[in-house]
Amino acid sequence: MLKDITLGQFFPGDTIAHRLDPRTKLLLVTLYIVALFQAKGWLGYGIITLVTLSCMRISHISLKNIFKGLKPMIFIISLTALLNIFYTQGTPIIPGWIITWEGIARAIQMVLRIVLLITGTFLLTYTTSPIALTDGLEILLGPLKKLKLPIHEMTIMMSMALRFIPTLIEETDKIMSAQKARGADFETGNLIDRAKALLPVLVPLFVSAFRRADELAIAMESRCYHGGEGRTRMKQLVMAGRDYIALLLGILLLAAMIYLKKPGI
């Protein structure tokens, strides 16, 4: 299960999605999320689903990778579906039943919303390196520096967090394998028993995480790192024509969702 967590991973490629400016992709994901929450009815969700599949096709990200990343979220998705099925009032599918047609429709739409939301954010990290993502976010948030906000430090922390997610997952897997070799059981018992069984994993994991953080801090100080003041970039970010076209398509998607949300459509 731990190996199925793909958040923070980057899949190098030479597609249009990979060549887009990271600022463009950050803005597109923002427009995508707003449009997704504005979607109403089957037509709206159908359009966003087609857009998402098209983006996956363009970026050469397979459904297998998306499903692999969705596996850890199956419990939340299933719980959301069940709550909407049993707690939405309407016309019962069978007289006397608590399950309604409206509940089933709402459950499907909520599941679609969660899946599409996760897929859209995955496409961002899959096609953008952490360094490019950090640079793009720092430039977009640049105006906030006038308010004395530590934008550079915030983006660096985000970049480090994304970078170390796969590392910590690998470290957790190694610790669990070592504990299993010593007779630990993580798969039997109820939820409370499984939670207690994870204590021998959490303690060495936190120790390892703090040790890595200390080593990283020493390495940055040894290289005379002093924040974003006077910092230059090896690759300058430049918006191209494809970036403006992509942003225009994102705005059109949001406008279409707002239009379809009008009563009577």
C-alpha atoms as a PDB file:
ATOM      1  CA  MET A   1       0.000   0.000   0.000  1.00  0.00           C
ATOM      2  CA  LEU A   2       2.806   2.425   0.829  1.00  0.00           C
ATOM      3  CA  LYS A   3       4.358   1.945  -2.590  1.00  0.00           C
ATOM      4  CA  ASP A   4       1.056   3.000  -4.164  1.00  0.00           C
ATOM      5  CA  ILE A   5       1.412   6.537  -2.802  1.00  0.00           C
ATOM      6  CA  THR A   6       2.670   8.538  -5.773  1.00  0.00           C
ATOM      7  CA  LEU A   7       2.165  12.068  -4.430  1.00  0.00           C
ATOM      8  CA  GLY A   8       5.259  14.172  -5.009  1.00  0.00           C
ATOM      9  CA  GLN A   9       6.669  11.923  -7.722  1.00  0.00           C
ATOM     10  CA  PHE A  10       7.773  13.404 -11.032  1.00  0.00           C
ATOM     11  CA  PHE A  11       7.700  11.472 -14.308  1.00  0.00           C
ATOM     12  CA  PRO A  12      10.119  13.116 -16.787  1.00  0.00           C
ATOM     13  CA  GLY A  13       8.850  13.519 -20.323  1.00  0.00           C
ATOM     14  CA  ASP A  14       8.851  15.737 -23.413  1.00  0.00           C
ATOM     15  CA  THR A  15       5.119  16.272 -23.882  1.00  0.00           C
ATOM     16  CA  ILE A  16       3.264  19.572 -24.241  1.00  0.00           C
ATOM     17  CA  ALA A  17       2.169  19.239 -20.607  1.00  0.00           C
ATOM     18  CA  HIS A  18       5.779  18.847 -19.461  1.00  0.00           C
ATOM     19  CA  ARG A  19       6.913  21.847 -21.542  1.00  0.00           C
ATOM     20  CA  LEU A  20       4.290  24.209 -20.144  1.00  0.00           C
ATOM     21  CA  ASP A  21       5.553  26.887 -17.790  1.00  0.00           C
ATOM     22  CA  PRO A  22       5.068  25.822 -14.136  1.00  0.00           C
ATOM     23  CA  ARG A  23       3.223  29.100 -13.472  1.00  0.00           C
ATOM     24  CA  THR A  24       0.773  28.179 -16.216  1.00  0.00           C
ATOM     25  CA  LYS A  25       0.205  24.751 -14.729  1.00  0.00           C
ATOM     26  CA  LEU A  26      -0.355  26.167 -11.243  1.00  0.00           C
ATOM     27  CA  LEU A  27      -2.934  28.608 -12.605  1.00  0.00           C
ATOM     28  CA  LEU A  28      -4.549  25.881 -14.696  1.00  0.00           C
ATOM     29  CA  VAL A  29      -4.917  23.605 -11.674  1.00  0.00           C
ATOM     30  CA  THR A  30      -6.497  26.493  -9.747  1.00  0.00           C
ATOM     31  CA  LEU A  31      -8.965  27.120 -12.586  1.00  0.00           C
ATOM     32  CA  TYR A  32      -9.617  23.382 -12.843  1.00  0.00           C
ATOM     33  CA  ILE A  33     -10.424  23.044  -9.129  1.00  0.00           C
ATOM     34  CA  VAL A  34     -12.751  26.068  -9.176  1.00  0.00           C
ATOM     35  CA  ALA A  35     -14.483  24.740 -12.302  1.00  0.00           C
ATOM     36  CA  LEU A  36     -14.835  21.317 -10.703  1.00  0.00           C
ATOM     37  CA  PHE A  37     -16.592  22.762  -7.670  1.00  0.00           C
ATOM     38  CA  GLN A  38     -18.796  24.851  -9.969  1.00  0.00           C
ATOM     39  CA  ALA A  39     -19.836  21.781 -11.981  1.00  0.00           C
ATOM     40  CA  LYS A  40     -23.499  20.881 -11.774  1.00  0.00           C
ATOM     41  CA  GLY A  41     -25.335  17.988 -13.385  1.00  0.00           C
ATOM     42  CA  TRP A  42     -24.130  15.166 -15.568  1.00  0.00           C
ATOM     43  CA  LEU A  43     -23.203  17.444 -18.459  1.00  0.00           C
ATOM     44  CA  GLY A  44     -20.820  19.484 -16.318  1.00  0.00           C
ATOM     45  CA  TYR A  45     -19.137  16.436 -14.815  1.00  0.00           C
ATOM     46  CA  GLY A  46     -18.983  14.810 -18.234  1.00  0.00           C
ATOM     47  CA  ILE A  47     -17.157  17.818 -19.717  1.00  0.00           C
ATOM     48  CA  ILE A  48     -14.623  17.937 -16.880  1.00  0.00           C
ATOM     49  CA  THR A  49     -14.075  14.175 -17.132  1.00  0.00           C
ATOM     50  CA  LEU A  50     -13.349  14.494 -20.863  1.00  0.00           C
ATOM     51  CA  VAL A  51     -10.966  17.396 -20.170  1.00  0.00           C
ATOM     52  CA  THR A  52      -9.156  15.350 -17.516  1.00  0.00           C
ATOM     53  CA  LEU A  53      -8.815  12.322 -19.789  1.00  0.00           C
ATOM     54  CA  SER A  54      -7.524  14.580 -22.575  1.00  0.00           C
ATOM     55  CA  CYS A  55      -4.898  16.038 -20.223  1.00  0.00           C
ATOM     56  CA  MET A  56      -3.833  12.532 -19.226  1.00  0.00           C
ATOM     57  CA  ARG A  57      -3.545  11.615 -22.897  1.00  0.00           C
ATOM     58  CA  ILE A  58      -1.476  14.717 -23.681  1.00  0.00           C
ATOM     59  CA  SER A  59       0.866  14.198 -20.724  1.00  0.00           C
ATOM     60  CA  HIS A  60       1.217  10.430 -21.400  1.00  0.00           C
ATOM     61  CA  ILE A  61       0.112   9.584 -17.852  1.00  0.00           C
ATOM     62  CA  SER A  62      -1.636   6.205 -17.863  1.00  0.00           C
ATOM     63  CA  LEU A  63      -4.782   5.267 -15.975  1.00  0.00           C
ATOM     64  CA  LYS A  64      -2.683   2.663 -14.163  1.00  0.00           C
ATOM     65  CA  ASN A  65      -0.590   5.364 -12.493  1.00  0.00           C
ATOM     66  CA  ILE A  66      -3.695   7.337 -11.557  1.00  0.00           C
ATOM     67  CA  PHE A  67      -5.436   4.279 -10.065  1.00  0.00           C
ATOM     68  CA  LYS A  68      -2.248   3.415  -8.212  1.00  0.00           C
ATOM     69  CA  GLY A  69      -2.282   6.844  -6.603  1.00  0.00           C
ATOM     70  CA  LEU A  70      -5.991   6.570  -5.782  1.00  0.00           C
ATOM     71  CA  LYS A  71      -5.646   3.283  -3.874  1.00  0.00           C
ATOM     72  CA  PRO A  72      -4.806   4.913  -0.512  1.00  0.00           C
ATOM     73  CA  MET A  73      -7.943   7.070  -0.896  1.00  0.00           C
ATOM     74  CA  ILE A  74     -10.370   4.185  -1.462  1.00  0.00           C
ATOM     75  CA  PHE A  75     -11.629   4.281   2.140  1.00  0.00           C
ATOM     76  CA  ILE A  76     -12.437   8.012   2.019  1.00  0.00           C
ATOM     77  CA  ILE A  77     -14.062   7.683  -1.418  1.00  0.00           C
ATOM     78  CA  SER A  78     -16.176   4.706  -0.308  1.00  0.00           C
ATOM     79  CA  LEU A  79     -17.227   6.433   2.920  1.00  0.00           C
ATOM     80  CA  THR A  80     -18.258   9.550   0.995  1.00  0.00           C
ATOM     81  CA  ALA A  81     -20.344   7.465  -1.390  1.00  0.00           C
ATOM     82  CA  LEU A  82     -22.100   5.584   1.422  1.00  0.00           C
ATOM     83  CA  LEU A  83     -22.918   8.752   3.370  1.00  0.00           C
ATOM     84  CA  ASN A  84     -24.453  10.365   0.304  1.00  0.00           C
ATOM     85  CA  ILE A  85     -26.436   7.229  -0.580  1.00  0.00           C
ATOM     86  CA  PHE A  86     -28.006   6.787   2.856  1.00  0.00           C
ATOM     87  CA  TYR A  87     -28.427  10.427   3.916  1.00  0.00           C
ATOM     88  CA  THR A  88     -29.859  12.020   0.763  1.00  0.00           C
ATOM     89  CA  GLN A  89     -33.607  12.316   0.710  1.00  0.00           C
ATOM     90  CA  GLY A  90     -35.683  11.793  -2.401  1.00  0.00           C
ATOM     91  CA  THR A  91     -37.546   9.112  -4.277  1.00  0.00           C
ATOM     92  CA  PRO A  92     -36.799   5.590  -2.932  1.00  0.00           C
ATOM     93  CA  ILE A  93     -35.623   3.106  -5.538  1.00  0.00           C
ATOM     94  CA  ILE A  94     -37.989   0.629  -3.858  1.00  0.00           C
ATOM     95  CA  PRO A  95     -40.943   1.831  -1.739  1.00  0.00           C
ATOM     96  CA  GLY A  96     -39.945   1.789   1.930  1.00  0.00           C
ATOM     97  CA  TRP A  97     -36.181   1.771   1.282  1.00  0.00           C
ATOM     98  CA  ILE A  98     -33.891   4.485   2.640  1.00  0.00           C
ATOM     99  CA  ILE A  99     -31.827   4.443  -0.575  1.00  0.00           C
ATOM    100  CA  THR A 100     -33.064   7.009  -3.083  1.00  0.00           C
ATOM    101  CA  TRP A 101     -32.356   7.717  -6.727  1.00  0.00           C
ATOM    102  CA  GLU A 102     -31.181  11.191  -5.756  1.00  0.00           C
ATOM    103  CA  GLY A 103     -28.792   9.647  -3.219  1.00  0.00           C
ATOM    104  CA  ILE A 104     -27.260   7.346  -5.821  1.00  0.00           C
ATOM    105  CA  ALA A 105     -26.846  10.228  -8.290  1.00  0.00           C
ATOM    106  CA  ARG A 106     -25.303  12.469  -5.636  1.00  0.00           C
ATOM    107  CA  ALA A 107     -22.952   9.687  -4.491  1.00  0.00           C
ATOM    108  CA  ILE A 108     -21.706   9.132  -8.054  1.00  0.00           C
ATOM    109  CA  GLN A 109     -21.166  12.866  -8.547  1.00  0.00           C
ATOM    110  CA  MET A 110     -19.296  13.243  -5.241  1.00  0.00           C
ATOM    111  CA  VAL A 111     -17.057  10.269  -6.031  1.00  0.00           C
ATOM    112  CA  LEU A 112     -16.378  11.763  -9.461  1.00  0.00           C
ATOM    113  CA  ARG A 113     -15.528  15.099  -7.855  1.00  0.00           C
ATOM    114  CA  ILE A 114     -13.022  13.548  -5.435  1.00  0.00           C
ATOM    115  CA  VAL A 115     -11.422  11.354  -8.110  1.00  0.00           C
ATOM    116  CA  LEU A 116     -11.145  14.230 -10.582  1.00  0.00           C
ATOM    117  CA  LEU A 117      -9.765  16.552  -7.906  1.00  0.00           C
ATOM    118  CA  ILE A 118      -7.028  14.088  -6.956  1.00  0.00           C
ATOM    119  CA  THR A 119      -6.290  13.292 -10.603  1.00  0.00           C
ATOM    120  CA  GLY A 120      -5.884  16.973 -11.487  1.00  0.00           C
ATOM    121  CA  THR A 121      -3.415  17.589  -8.667  1.00  0.00           C
ATOM    122  CA  PHE A 122      -1.539  14.388  -9.517  1.00  0.00           C
ATOM    123  CA  LEU A 123      -1.108  15.565 -13.121  1.00  0.00           C
ATOM    124  CA  LEU A 124       0.539  18.731 -11.790  1.00  0.00           C
ATOM    125  CA  THR A 125       3.168  16.899  -9.734  1.00  0.00           C
ATOM    126  CA  TYR A 126       3.619  14.119 -12.324  1.00  0.00           C
ATOM    127  CA  THR A 127       4.549  16.590 -15.088  1.00  0.00           C
ATOM    128  CA  THR A 128       6.404  19.257 -13.076  1.00  0.00           C
ATOM    129  CA  SER A 129       9.675  18.844 -11.222  1.00  0.00           C
ATOM    130  CA  PRO A 130       9.728  20.065  -7.593  1.00  0.00           C
ATOM    131  CA  ILE A 131      12.314  22.732  -8.447  1.00  0.00           C
ATOM    132  CA  ALA A 132      10.236  24.138 -11.327  1.00  0.00           C
ATOM    133  CA  LEU A 133       7.112  23.991  -9.169  1.00  0.00           C
ATOM    134  CA  THR A 134       8.864  25.931  -6.411  1.00  0.00           C
ATOM    135  CA  ASP A 135      10.177  28.584  -8.815  1.00  0.00           C
ATOM    136  CA  GLY A 136       6.771  29.040 -10.407  1.00  0.00           C
ATOM    137  CA  LEU A 137       4.991  29.347  -7.074  1.00  0.00           C
ATOM    138  CA  GLU A 138       7.571  31.808  -5.766  1.00  0.00           C
ATOM    139  CA  ILE A 139       7.122  34.053  -8.813  1.00  0.00           C
ATOM    140  CA  LEU A 140       3.316  33.914  -8.599  1.00  0.00           C
ATOM    141  CA  LEU A 141       3.408  34.814  -4.910  1.00  0.00           C
ATOM    142  CA  GLY A 142       6.113  37.448  -5.462  1.00  0.00           C
ATOM    143  CA  PRO A 143       3.774  40.463  -4.945  1.00  0.00           C
ATOM    144  CA  LEU A 144       3.133  39.257  -1.379  1.00  0.00           C
ATOM    145  CA  LYS A 145       6.779  39.997  -0.547  1.00  0.00           C
ATOM    146  CA  LYS A 146       5.763  43.647  -0.254  1.00  0.00           C
ATOM    147  CA  LEU A 147       3.739  42.599   2.783  1.00  0.00           C
ATOM    148  CA  LYS A 148       6.951  41.199   4.351  1.00  0.00           C
ATOM    149  CA  LEU A 149       5.748  37.610   3.966  1.00  0.00           C
ATOM    150  CA  PRO A 150       8.534  34.960   3.755  1.00  0.00           C
ATOM    151  CA  ILE A 151       7.511  33.717   0.294  1.00  0.00           C
ATOM    152  CA  HIS A 152      10.882  32.172  -0.572  1.00  0.00           C
ATOM    153  CA  GLU A 153      11.074  30.274   2.705  1.00  0.00           C
ATOM    154  CA  MET A 154       7.488  29.009   2.276  1.00  0.00           C
ATOM    155  CA  THR A 155       8.131  27.728  -1.251  1.00  0.00           C
ATOM    156  CA  ILE A 156      11.400  26.090  -0.205  1.00  0.00           C
ATOM    157  CA  MET A 157       9.592  24.248   2.592  1.00  0.00           C
ATOM    158  CA  MET A 158       6.938  23.083   0.138  1.00  0.00           C
ATOM    159  CA  SER A 159       9.610  21.865  -2.285  1.00  0.00           C
ATOM    160  CA  MET A 160      11.417  19.951   0.467  1.00  0.00           C
ATOM    161  CA  ALA A 161       8.162  18.413   1.672  1.00  0.00           C
ATOM    162  CA  LEU A 162       7.308  17.178  -1.831  1.00  0.00           C
ATOM    163  CA  ARG A 163      10.868  15.937  -2.347  1.00  0.00           C
ATOM    164  CA  PHE A 164      10.939  13.914   0.864  1.00  0.00           C
ATOM    165  CA  ILE A 165       7.493  12.289   0.569  1.00  0.00           C
ATOM    166  CA  PRO A 166       8.845   9.380  -1.564  1.00  0.00           C
ATOM    167  CA  THR A 167      11.901   9.163   0.721  1.00  0.00           C
ATOM    168  CA  LEU A 168       9.795   8.885   3.881  1.00  0.00           C
ATOM    169  CA  ILE A 169       7.509   6.333   2.226  1.00  0.00           C
ATOM    170  CA  GLU A 170      10.528   4.218   1.332  1.00  0.00           C
ATOM    171  CA  GLU A 171      11.882   4.613   4.881  1.00  0.00           C
ATOM    172  CA  THR A 172       8.522   3.555   6.351  1.00  0.00           C
ATOM    173  CA  ASP A 173       8.447   0.473   4.132  1.00  0.00           C
ATOM    174  CA  LYS A 174      11.941  -0.522   5.275  1.00  0.00           C
ATOM    175  CA  ILE A 175      11.030  -0.072   8.956  1.00  0.00           C
ATOM    176  CA  MET A 176       7.829  -2.108   8.559  1.00  0.00           C
ATOM    177  CA  SER A 177       9.740  -4.890   6.791  1.00  0.00           C
ATOM    178  CA  ALA A 178      12.295  -4.934   9.606  1.00  0.00           C
ATOM    179  CA  GLN A 179       9.548  -5.066  12.248  1.00  0.00           C
ATOM    180  CA  LYS A 180       7.792  -7.893  10.399  1.00  0.00           C
ATOM    181  CA  ALA A 181      11.048  -9.828  10.356  1.00  0.00           C
ATOM    182  CA  ARG A 182      11.062  -9.490  14.163  1.00  0.00           C
ATOM    183  CA  GLY A 183       7.535 -10.889  14.418  1.00  0.00           C
ATOM    184  CA  ALA A 184       5.415  -7.724  14.307  1.00  0.00           C
ATOM    185  CA  ASP A 185       1.888  -8.141  12.930  1.00  0.00           C
ATOM    186  CA  PHE A 186       0.285  -5.148  11.194  1.00  0.00           C
ATOM    187  CA  GLU A 187      -2.594  -6.892   9.396  1.00  0.00           C
ATOM    188  CA  THR A 188      -4.633  -8.756  12.034  1.00  0.00           C
ATOM    189  CA  GLY A 189      -6.910  -7.456  14.753  1.00  0.00           C
ATOM    190  CA  ASN A 190      -9.348  -4.579  14.857  1.00  0.00           C
ATOM    191  CA  LEU A 191      -8.609  -0.943  14.016  1.00  0.00           C
ATOM    192  CA  ILE A 192      -7.331  -0.138  17.533  1.00  0.00           C
ATOM    193  CA  ASP A 193      -5.001  -3.147  17.544  1.00  0.00           C
ATOM    194  CA  ARG A 194      -3.578  -2.155  14.159  1.00  0.00           C
ATOM    195  CA  ALA A 195      -3.039   1.399  15.373  1.00  0.00           C
ATOM    196  CA  LYS A 196      -1.150   0.145  18.431  1.00  0.00           C
ATOM    197  CA  ALA A 197       0.951  -2.110  16.221  1.00  0.00           C
ATOM    198  CA  LEU A 198       2.137   0.944  14.285  1.00  0.00           C
ATOM    199  CA  LEU A 199       3.807   2.509  17.341  1.00  0.00           C
ATOM    200  CA  PRO A 200       7.086   0.584  16.812  1.00  0.00           C
ATOM    201  CA  VAL A 201       7.091   2.048  13.278  1.00  0.00           C
ATOM    202  CA  LEU A 202       6.275   5.661  14.114  1.00  0.00           C
ATOM    203  CA  VAL A 203       9.041   6.148  16.691  1.00  0.00           C
ATOM    204  CA  PRO A 204      12.005   5.183  14.429  1.00  0.00           C
ATOM    205  CA  LEU A 205      10.301   6.976  11.511  1.00  0.00           C
ATOM    206  CA  PHE A 206      10.171  10.261  13.446  1.00  0.00           C
ATOM    207  CA  VAL A 207      13.777   9.784  14.578  1.00  0.00           C
ATOM    208  CA  SER A 208      14.836   9.206  10.974  1.00  0.00           C
ATOM    209  CA  ALA A 209      12.870  12.238   9.741  1.00  0.00           C
ATOM    210  CA  PHE A 210      14.437  14.542  12.350  1.00  0.00           C
ATOM    211  CA  ARG A 211      17.878  13.173  11.541  1.00  0.00           C
ATOM    212  CA  ARG A 212      17.376  13.848   7.821  1.00  0.00           C
ATOM    213  CA  ALA A 213      16.118  17.361   8.576  1.00  0.00           C
ATOM    214  CA  ASP A 214      19.200  18.055  10.711  1.00  0.00           C
ATOM    215  CA  GLU A 215      21.530  16.742   8.012  1.00  0.00           C
ATOM    216  CA  LEU A 216      19.771  18.894   5.406  1.00  0.00           C
ATOM    217  CA  ALA A 217      20.079  22.002   7.581  1.00  0.00           C
ATOM    218  CA  ILE A 218      23.820  21.376   8.095  1.00  0.00           C
ATOM    219  CA  ALA A 219      24.301  20.833   4.343  1.00  0.00           C
ATOM    220  CA  MET A 220      22.501  24.109   3.509  1.00  0.00           C
ATOM    221  CA  GLU A 221      24.540  26.048   6.068  1.00  0.00           C
ATOM    222  CA  SER A 222      27.773  24.491   4.770  1.00  0.00           C
ATOM    223  CA  ARG A 223      26.919  25.802   1.298  1.00  0.00           C
ATOM    224  CA  CYS A 224      26.298  29.304   2.697  1.00  0.00           C
ATOM    225  CA  TYR A 225      22.596  29.244   1.927  1.00  0.00           C
ATOM    226  CA  HIS A 226      20.995  32.509   3.060  1.00  0.00           C
ATOM    227  CA  GLY A 227      17.524  32.552   1.511  1.00  0.00           C
ATOM    228  CA  GLY A 228      16.250  34.127  -1.677  1.00  0.00           C
ATOM    229  CA  GLU A 229      18.203  37.377  -1.490  1.00  0.00           C
ATOM    230  CA  GLY A 230      20.326  37.725  -4.628  1.00  0.00           C
ATOM    231  CA  ARG A 231      19.397  34.238  -5.791  1.00  0.00           C
ATOM    232  CA  THR A 232      19.528  33.524  -9.522  1.00  0.00           C
ATOM    233  CA  ARG A 233      18.031  30.641 -11.501  1.00  0.00           C
ATOM    234  CA  MET A 234      19.835  28.417 -13.963  1.00  0.00           C
ATOM    235  CA  LYS A 235      16.673  28.201 -16.095  1.00  0.00           C
ATOM    236  CA  GLN A 236      14.647  31.375 -16.489  1.00  0.00           C
ATOM    237  CA  LEU A 237      10.894  30.878 -16.755  1.00  0.00           C
ATOM    238  CA  VAL A 238       9.462  32.313 -19.971  1.00  0.00           C
ATOM    239  CA  MET A 239       5.816  32.164 -21.022  1.00  0.00           C
ATOM    240  CA  ALA A 240       5.325  30.884 -24.591  1.00  0.00           C
ATOM    241  CA  GLY A 241       2.344  30.915 -26.918  1.00  0.00           C
ATOM    242  CA  ARG A 242       1.201  27.480 -25.766  1.00  0.00           C
ATOM    243  CA  ASP A 243       0.972  28.803 -22.204  1.00  0.00           C
ATOM    244  CA  TYR A 244      -1.451  31.564 -23.168  1.00  0.00           C
ATOM    245  CA  ILE A 245      -3.540  29.122 -25.213  1.00  0.00           C
ATOM    246  CA  ALA A 246      -3.686  26.707 -22.266  1.00  0.00           C
ATOM    247  CA  LEU A 247      -4.745  29.513 -19.900  1.00  0.00           C
ATOM    248  CA  LEU A 248      -7.447  30.602 -22.351  1.00  0.00           C
ATOM    249  CA  LEU A 249      -8.794  27.036 -22.489  1.00  0.00           C
ATOM    250  CA  GLY A 250      -8.797  26.889 -18.676  1.00  0.00           C
ATOM    251  CA  ILE A 251     -10.767  30.142 -18.469  1.00  0.00           C
ATOM    252  CA  LEU A 252     -13.241  28.836 -21.062  1.00  0.00           C
ATOM    253  CA  LEU A 253     -13.732  25.670 -18.998  1.00  0.00           C
ATOM    254  CA  LEU A 254     -14.507  27.712 -15.891  1.00  0.00           C
ATOM    255  CA  ALA A 255     -16.863  29.965 -17.851  1.00  0.00           C
ATOM    256  CA  ALA A 256     -18.680  26.916 -19.241  1.00  0.00           C
ATOM    257  CA  MET A 257     -19.177  25.458 -15.751  1.00  0.00           C
ATOM    258  CA  ILE A 258     -20.542  28.793 -14.451  1.00  0.00           C
ATOM    259  CA  TYR A 259     -22.893  29.037 -17.440  1.00  0.00           C
ATOM    260  CA  LEU A 260     -24.184  25.467 -16.985  1.00  0.00           C
ATOM    261  CA  LYS A 261     -24.840  26.197 -13.314  1.00  0.00           C
ATOM    262  CA  LYS A 262     -27.560  28.700 -14.225  1.00  0.00           C
ATOM    263  CA  PRO A 263     -31.121  27.579 -13.369  1.00  0.00           C
ATOM    264  CA  GLY A 264     -32.975  26.017 -16.250  1.00  0.00           C
ATOM    265  CA  ILE A 265     -29.906  24.793 -18.132  1.00  0.00           C
END
